Amino acid sequence: MHVDGEPQFTRICRLLSEFANSQNVYHHQKERMAHAGLVVQIALTSAIWATDWPPEWMHQGSSLLLILSPFGVLAMSAWVHFFIRWQLTKRTYAAIAVAAAWRVLLDWSHTEPSPEDLVQFVPMDQPSKKHELLKKLAWIVPCRYPATGGDVGRAGFPVAFVNEERAQRTGAYQGEMLVSVSSLVLIGLTALRLFT
């Protein structure tokens, strides 16, 4: 089918190329934000360890403030960890999308896609329970095989791209695990200082 004289295949290739480029920029932004979150986590932990805990001014306030303040600091530290994980999870999804788009374009540069490859993807009504569990687990630690693909955001993309995206794995697992475990260790150090 032609639109404005341009074949469908050309439009799909341009869509995938532009999508890959935009996801690549998004990937780098998510990585920078995750590292910024880790810096905030380090600063928070350092600030707690560098001062007397609880600070002198807390002794002048109510005993409730003295009791609840460590939990507030820990909640803030946990929030920073979830922020880091959210950024890294989105970064992983973007990396997988970029790899899938380039893989499909590379394959199509060598062989003509089948008509089935060019059919528009229609998302499932309900993601599987395993898919949902993996997505929730990713808020704490990275998953070696992230649960991607099949969501509403891929509606209209070629089926070949969505299938390739589901088959992709990330090589960033070790780096993500290092950042995530570092964040969890910093939470542990903060808790150690607050409650000892």
C-alpha atoms as a PDB file:
ATOM      1  CA  MET A   1       0.000   0.000   0.000  1.00  0.00           C
ATOM      2  CA  HIS A   2       1.271   3.466  -0.882  1.00  0.00           C
ATOM      3  CA  VAL A   3       0.582   6.687   0.998  1.00  0.00           C
ATOM      4  CA  ASP A   4       1.597   9.863  -0.810  1.00  0.00           C
ATOM      5  CA  GLY A   5       3.518   7.681  -3.258  1.00  0.00           C
ATOM      6  CA  GLU A   6       5.675   6.120  -0.520  1.00  0.00           C
ATOM      7  CA  PRO A   7       5.548   2.327  -0.098  1.00  0.00           C
ATOM      8  CA  GLN A   8       4.465   0.861   3.243  1.00  0.00           C
ATOM      9  CA  PHE A   9       7.785  -0.936   3.689  1.00  0.00           C
ATOM     10  CA  THR A  10       9.726   2.353   3.414  1.00  0.00           C
ATOM     11  CA  ARG A  11       7.459   4.035   5.957  1.00  0.00           C
ATOM     12  CA  ILE A  12       7.847   1.125   8.404  1.00  0.00           C
ATOM     13  CA  CYS A  13      11.643   1.175   8.072  1.00  0.00           C
ATOM     14  CA  ARG A  14      11.701   4.925   8.688  1.00  0.00           C
ATOM     15  CA  LEU A  15       9.403   4.493  11.713  1.00  0.00           C
ATOM     16  CA  LEU A  16      11.665   1.826  13.229  1.00  0.00           C
ATOM     17  CA  SER A  17      14.792   3.865  12.553  1.00  0.00           C
ATOM     18  CA  GLU A  18      13.380   7.024  14.123  1.00  0.00           C
ATOM     19  CA  PHE A  19      11.974   5.007  17.018  1.00  0.00           C
ATOM     20  CA  ALA A  20      15.387   3.417  17.649  1.00  0.00           C
ATOM     21  CA  ASN A  21      17.072   6.817  17.610  1.00  0.00           C
ATOM     22  CA  SER A  22      14.579   8.335  20.056  1.00  0.00           C
ATOM     23  CA  GLN A  23      14.806   5.315  22.366  1.00  0.00           C
ATOM     24  CA  ASN A  24      18.596   5.586  22.297  1.00  0.00           C
ATOM     25  CA  VAL A  25      18.396   9.173  23.588  1.00  0.00           C
ATOM     26  CA  TYR A  26      15.843   8.068  26.197  1.00  0.00           C
ATOM     27  CA  HIS A  27      18.152   5.210  27.246  1.00  0.00           C
ATOM     28  CA  HIS A  28      21.044   7.596  27.919  1.00  0.00           C
ATOM     29  CA  GLN A  29      18.822  10.004  29.849  1.00  0.00           C
ATOM     30  CA  LYS A  30      17.527   7.190  32.086  1.00  0.00           C
ATOM     31  CA  GLU A  31      21.084   6.043  32.765  1.00  0.00           C
ATOM     32  CA  ARG A  32      22.165   9.548  33.765  1.00  0.00           C
ATOM     33  CA  MET A  33      19.160   9.916  36.066  1.00  0.00           C
ATOM     34  CA  ALA A  34      19.871   6.562  37.747  1.00  0.00           C
ATOM     35  CA  HIS A  35      23.453   7.603  38.403  1.00  0.00           C
ATOM     36  CA  ALA A  36      22.245  10.945  39.759  1.00  0.00           C
ATOM     37  CA  GLY A  37      19.942   9.018  42.096  1.00  0.00           C
ATOM     38  CA  LEU A  38      22.885   6.946  43.302  1.00  0.00           C
ATOM     39  CA  VAL A  39      24.802  10.157  44.021  1.00  0.00           C
ATOM     40  CA  VAL A  40      21.837  11.390  46.091  1.00  0.00           C
ATOM     41  CA  GLN A  41      21.803   8.036  47.929  1.00  0.00           C
ATOM     42  CA  ILE A  42      25.544   8.355  48.671  1.00  0.00           C
ATOM     43  CA  ALA A  43      25.082  11.950  49.866  1.00  0.00           C
ATOM     44  CA  LEU A  44      22.190  10.976  52.143  1.00  0.00           C
ATOM     45  CA  THR A  45      24.119   8.085  53.688  1.00  0.00           C
ATOM     46  CA  SER A  46      27.248  10.220  54.067  1.00  0.00           C
ATOM     47  CA  ALA A  47      25.278  12.998  55.745  1.00  0.00           C
ATOM     48  CA  ILE A  48      23.793  10.557  58.260  1.00  0.00           C
ATOM     49  CA  TRP A  49      27.206   9.053  59.051  1.00  0.00           C
ATOM     50  CA  ALA A  50      28.997  12.424  59.193  1.00  0.00           C
ATOM     51  CA  THR A  51      26.764  13.857  61.924  1.00  0.00           C
ATOM     52  CA  ASP A  52      25.737  12.767  65.370  1.00  0.00           C
ATOM     53  CA  TRP A  53      22.475  10.885  65.240  1.00  0.00           C
ATOM     54  CA  PRO A  54      20.030  11.985  66.375  1.00  0.00           C
ATOM     55  CA  PRO A  55      20.980  15.645  66.032  1.00  0.00           C
ATOM     56  CA  GLU A  56      20.939  17.762  69.204  1.00  0.00           C
ATOM     57  CA  TRP A  57      17.946  19.841  68.078  1.00  0.00           C
ATOM     58  CA  MET A  58      15.788  16.689  68.001  1.00  0.00           C
ATOM     59  CA  HIS A  59      16.244  16.181  71.732  1.00  0.00           C
ATOM     60  CA  GLN A  60      14.528  19.527  72.315  1.00  0.00           C
ATOM     61  CA  GLY A  61      11.434  18.452  70.369  1.00  0.00           C
ATOM     62  CA  SER A  62       8.845  15.837  71.158  1.00  0.00           C
ATOM     63  CA  SER A  63       9.808  12.236  71.783  1.00  0.00           C
ATOM     64  CA  LEU A  64       7.538  11.260  68.878  1.00  0.00           C
ATOM     65  CA  LEU A  65       9.825  13.185  66.515  1.00  0.00           C
ATOM     66  CA  LEU A  66      12.807  11.357  67.977  1.00  0.00           C
ATOM     67  CA  ILE A  67      11.115   7.996  67.423  1.00  0.00           C
ATOM     68  CA  LEU A  68       9.700   8.637  63.935  1.00  0.00           C
ATOM     69  CA  SER A  69      12.585  10.533  62.329  1.00  0.00           C
ATOM     70  CA  PRO A  70      14.728   7.428  61.595  1.00  0.00           C
ATOM     71  CA  PHE A  71      11.778   5.888  59.762  1.00  0.00           C
ATOM     72  CA  GLY A  72      11.372   9.086  57.730  1.00  0.00           C
ATOM     73  CA  VAL A  73      15.040   9.026  56.741  1.00  0.00           C
ATOM     74  CA  LEU A  74      14.775   5.340  55.809  1.00  0.00           C
ATOM     75  CA  ALA A  75      11.629   6.033  53.782  1.00  0.00           C
ATOM     76  CA  MET A  76      13.499   8.743  51.889  1.00  0.00           C
ATOM     77  CA  SER A  77      16.384   6.363  51.270  1.00  0.00           C
ATOM     78  CA  ALA A  78      13.980   3.663  50.031  1.00  0.00           C
ATOM     79  CA  TRP A  79      12.285   6.197  47.752  1.00  0.00           C
ATOM     80  CA  VAL A  80      15.663   7.051  46.211  1.00  0.00           C
ATOM     81  CA  HIS A  81      16.292   3.331  45.649  1.00  0.00           C
ATOM     82  CA  PHE A  82      12.921   2.924  43.903  1.00  0.00           C
ATOM     83  CA  PHE A  83      13.736   5.988  41.788  1.00  0.00           C
ATOM     84  CA  ILE A  84      17.047   4.398  40.761  1.00  0.00           C
ATOM     85  CA  ARG A  85      15.333   1.095  39.923  1.00  0.00           C
ATOM     86  CA  TRP A  86      12.613   2.857  37.943  1.00  0.00           C
ATOM     87  CA  GLN A  87      15.224   4.701  35.900  1.00  0.00           C
ATOM     88  CA  LEU A  88      17.265   1.547  35.281  1.00  0.00           C
ATOM     89  CA  THR A  89      14.190  -0.497  34.369  1.00  0.00           C
ATOM     90  CA  LYS A  90      13.099   2.094  31.818  1.00  0.00           C
ATOM     91  CA  ARG A  91      16.692   2.213  30.546  1.00  0.00           C
ATOM     92  CA  THR A  92      16.642  -1.565  30.046  1.00  0.00           C
ATOM     93  CA  TYR A  93      13.361  -1.432  28.153  1.00  0.00           C
ATOM     94  CA  ALA A  94      14.762   1.296  25.908  1.00  0.00           C
ATOM     95  CA  ALA A  95      17.965  -0.683  25.239  1.00  0.00           C
ATOM     96  CA  ILE A  96      15.952  -3.753  24.303  1.00  0.00           C
ATOM     97  CA  ALA A  97      13.709  -1.712  21.994  1.00  0.00           C
ATOM     98  CA  VAL A  98      16.734  -0.172  20.264  1.00  0.00           C
ATOM     99  CA  ALA A  99      18.382  -3.574  19.791  1.00  0.00           C
ATOM    100  CA  ALA A 100      15.153  -5.088  18.449  1.00  0.00           C
ATOM    101  CA  ALA A 101      14.544  -2.248  15.998  1.00  0.00           C
ATOM    102  CA  TRP A 102      18.078  -2.400  14.615  1.00  0.00           C
ATOM    103  CA  ARG A 103      17.965  -6.223  14.432  1.00  0.00           C
ATOM    104  CA  VAL A 104      14.723  -6.124  12.421  1.00  0.00           C
ATOM    105  CA  LEU A 105      16.092  -3.425  10.102  1.00  0.00           C
ATOM    106  CA  LEU A 106      19.305  -5.429   9.651  1.00  0.00           C
ATOM    107  CA  ASP A 107      17.348  -8.584   8.827  1.00  0.00           C
ATOM    108  CA  TRP A 108      15.176  -6.686   6.374  1.00  0.00           C
ATOM    109  CA  SER A 109      18.256  -5.246   4.671  1.00  0.00           C
ATOM    110  CA  HIS A 110      19.221  -8.828   3.707  1.00  0.00           C
ATOM    111  CA  THR A 111      15.852 -10.455   3.115  1.00  0.00           C
ATOM    112  CA  GLU A 112      12.449  -9.134   2.180  1.00  0.00           C
ATOM    113  CA  PRO A 113      10.029  -9.248   5.135  1.00  0.00           C
ATOM    114  CA  SER A 114       7.030 -11.509   4.865  1.00  0.00           C
ATOM    115  CA  PRO A 115       3.563  -9.943   4.801  1.00  0.00           C
ATOM    116  CA  GLU A 116       3.032 -11.393   8.313  1.00  0.00           C
ATOM    117  CA  ASP A 117       6.093  -9.460   9.555  1.00  0.00           C
ATOM    118  CA  LEU A 118       4.500  -6.185   8.499  1.00  0.00           C
ATOM    119  CA  VAL A 119       1.121  -6.787  10.150  1.00  0.00           C
ATOM    120  CA  GLN A 120       0.354  -4.309  12.915  1.00  0.00           C
ATOM    121  CA  PHE A 121       0.720  -5.693  16.409  1.00  0.00           C
ATOM    122  CA  VAL A 122      -2.426  -5.867  18.564  1.00  0.00           C
ATOM    123  CA  PRO A 123      -1.641  -6.039  22.304  1.00  0.00           C
ATOM    124  CA  MET A 124      -3.012  -8.688  24.634  1.00  0.00           C
ATOM    125  CA  ASP A 125      -5.951  -7.780  26.813  1.00  0.00           C
ATOM    126  CA  GLN A 126      -4.200  -8.921  29.989  1.00  0.00           C
ATOM    127  CA  PRO A 127      -0.489  -9.438  30.565  1.00  0.00           C
ATOM    128  CA  SER A 128       0.417 -12.789  32.095  1.00  0.00           C
ATOM    129  CA  LYS A 129       0.844 -13.129  35.862  1.00  0.00           C
ATOM    130  CA  LYS A 130       4.526 -13.971  35.341  1.00  0.00           C
ATOM    131  CA  HIS A 131       4.962 -10.775  33.314  1.00  0.00           C
ATOM    132  CA  GLU A 132       3.351  -8.705  36.075  1.00  0.00           C
ATOM    133  CA  LEU A 133       5.408 -10.394  38.808  1.00  0.00           C
ATOM    134  CA  LEU A 134       8.677  -9.731  36.952  1.00  0.00           C
ATOM    135  CA  LYS A 135       7.719  -6.091  36.468  1.00  0.00           C
ATOM    136  CA  LYS A 136       7.077  -5.712  40.212  1.00  0.00           C
ATOM    137  CA  LEU A 137      10.285  -7.504  41.149  1.00  0.00           C
ATOM    138  CA  ALA A 138      12.222  -5.102  38.920  1.00  0.00           C
ATOM    139  CA  TRP A 139      11.372  -2.295  41.379  1.00  0.00           C
ATOM    140  CA  ILE A 140      13.769  -3.905  43.882  1.00  0.00           C
ATOM    141  CA  VAL A 141      16.474  -5.715  41.895  1.00  0.00           C
ATOM    142  CA  PRO A 142      17.123  -6.146  38.176  1.00  0.00           C
ATOM    143  CA  CYS A 143      15.827  -9.227  36.402  1.00  0.00           C
ATOM    144  CA  ARG A 144      18.147 -11.107  34.083  1.00  0.00           C
ATOM    145  CA  TYR A 145      15.256 -11.517  31.634  1.00  0.00           C
ATOM    146  CA  PRO A 146      13.137  -8.364  31.837  1.00  0.00           C
ATOM    147  CA  ALA A 147       9.439  -8.600  31.064  1.00  0.00           C
ATOM    148  CA  THR A 148       9.020  -6.455  27.961  1.00  0.00           C
ATOM    149  CA  GLY A 149       6.830  -6.419  24.904  1.00  0.00           C
ATOM    150  CA  GLY A 150       3.151  -7.021  24.501  1.00  0.00           C
ATOM    151  CA  ASP A 151       2.022  -3.798  26.108  1.00  0.00           C
ATOM    152  CA  VAL A 152      -0.291  -1.143  24.750  1.00  0.00           C
ATOM    153  CA  GLY A 153       2.672   1.058  23.778  1.00  0.00           C
ATOM    154  CA  ARG A 154       3.544  -1.340  20.962  1.00  0.00           C
ATOM    155  CA  ALA A 155       0.130  -1.287  19.306  1.00  0.00           C
ATOM    156  CA  GLY A 156       0.526  -0.556  15.604  1.00  0.00           C
ATOM    157  CA  PHE A 157       4.199  -1.556  15.404  1.00  0.00           C
ATOM    158  CA  PRO A 158       5.084  -4.370  13.006  1.00  0.00           C
ATOM    159  CA  VAL A 159       4.704  -7.845  14.514  1.00  0.00           C
ATOM    160  CA  ALA A 160       8.301  -8.670  13.513  1.00  0.00           C
ATOM    161  CA  PHE A 161       9.569  -5.859  15.767  1.00  0.00           C
ATOM    162  CA  VAL A 162       7.452  -6.890  18.768  1.00  0.00           C
ATOM    163  CA  ASN A 163       8.521 -10.536  18.407  1.00  0.00           C
ATOM    164  CA  GLU A 164      12.171  -9.515  18.189  1.00  0.00           C
ATOM    165  CA  GLU A 165      11.782  -7.218  21.188  1.00  0.00           C
ATOM    166  CA  ARG A 166      10.375 -10.095  23.251  1.00  0.00           C
ATOM    167  CA  ALA A 167      13.356 -12.266  22.254  1.00  0.00           C
ATOM    168  CA  GLN A 168      15.997  -9.650  23.138  1.00  0.00           C
ATOM    169  CA  ARG A 169      18.054  -9.803  26.315  1.00  0.00           C
ATOM    170  CA  THR A 170      20.140  -7.079  27.847  1.00  0.00           C
ATOM    171  CA  GLY A 171      23.875  -7.181  28.433  1.00  0.00           C
ATOM    172  CA  ALA A 172      23.575  -4.571  31.180  1.00  0.00           C
ATOM    173  CA  TYR A 173      22.455  -6.966  33.900  1.00  0.00           C
ATOM    174  CA  GLN A 174      25.763  -6.884  35.822  1.00  0.00           C
ATOM    175  CA  GLY A 175      25.960  -3.083  35.739  1.00  0.00           C
ATOM    176  CA  GLU A 176      22.371  -2.738  36.860  1.00  0.00           C
ATOM    177  CA  MET A 177      22.921  -5.255  39.621  1.00  0.00           C
ATOM    178  CA  LEU A 178      26.001  -3.335  40.820  1.00  0.00           C
ATOM    179  CA  VAL A 179      24.108  -0.031  41.016  1.00  0.00           C
ATOM    180  CA  SER A 180      21.057  -1.652  42.632  1.00  0.00           C
ATOM    181  CA  VAL A 181      23.027  -3.610  45.221  1.00  0.00           C
ATOM    182  CA  SER A 182      25.086  -0.493  45.992  1.00  0.00           C
ATOM    183  CA  SER A 183      21.859   1.376  46.659  1.00  0.00           C
ATOM    184  CA  LEU A 184      20.582  -1.402  48.922  1.00  0.00           C
ATOM    185  CA  VAL A 185      23.910  -1.477  50.812  1.00  0.00           C
ATOM    186  CA  LEU A 186      23.644   2.284  51.314  1.00  0.00           C
ATOM    187  CA  ILE A 187      20.134   1.812  52.737  1.00  0.00           C
ATOM    188  CA  GLY A 188      21.553  -0.825  55.078  1.00  0.00           C
ATOM    189  CA  LEU A 189      24.359   1.501  56.190  1.00  0.00           C
ATOM    190  CA  THR A 190      21.840   4.269  56.782  1.00  0.00           C
ATOM    191  CA  ALA A 191      19.680   1.922  58.878  1.00  0.00           C
ATOM    192  CA  LEU A 192      22.737   0.776  60.815  1.00  0.00           C
ATOM    193  CA  ARG A 193      23.606   4.359  61.709  1.00  0.00           C
ATOM    194  CA  LEU A 194      20.025   5.306  62.546  1.00  0.00           C
ATOM    195  CA  PHE A 195      19.241   2.373  64.808  1.00  0.00           C
ATOM    196  CA  THR A 196      22.541   1.787  66.620  1.00  0.00           C
END
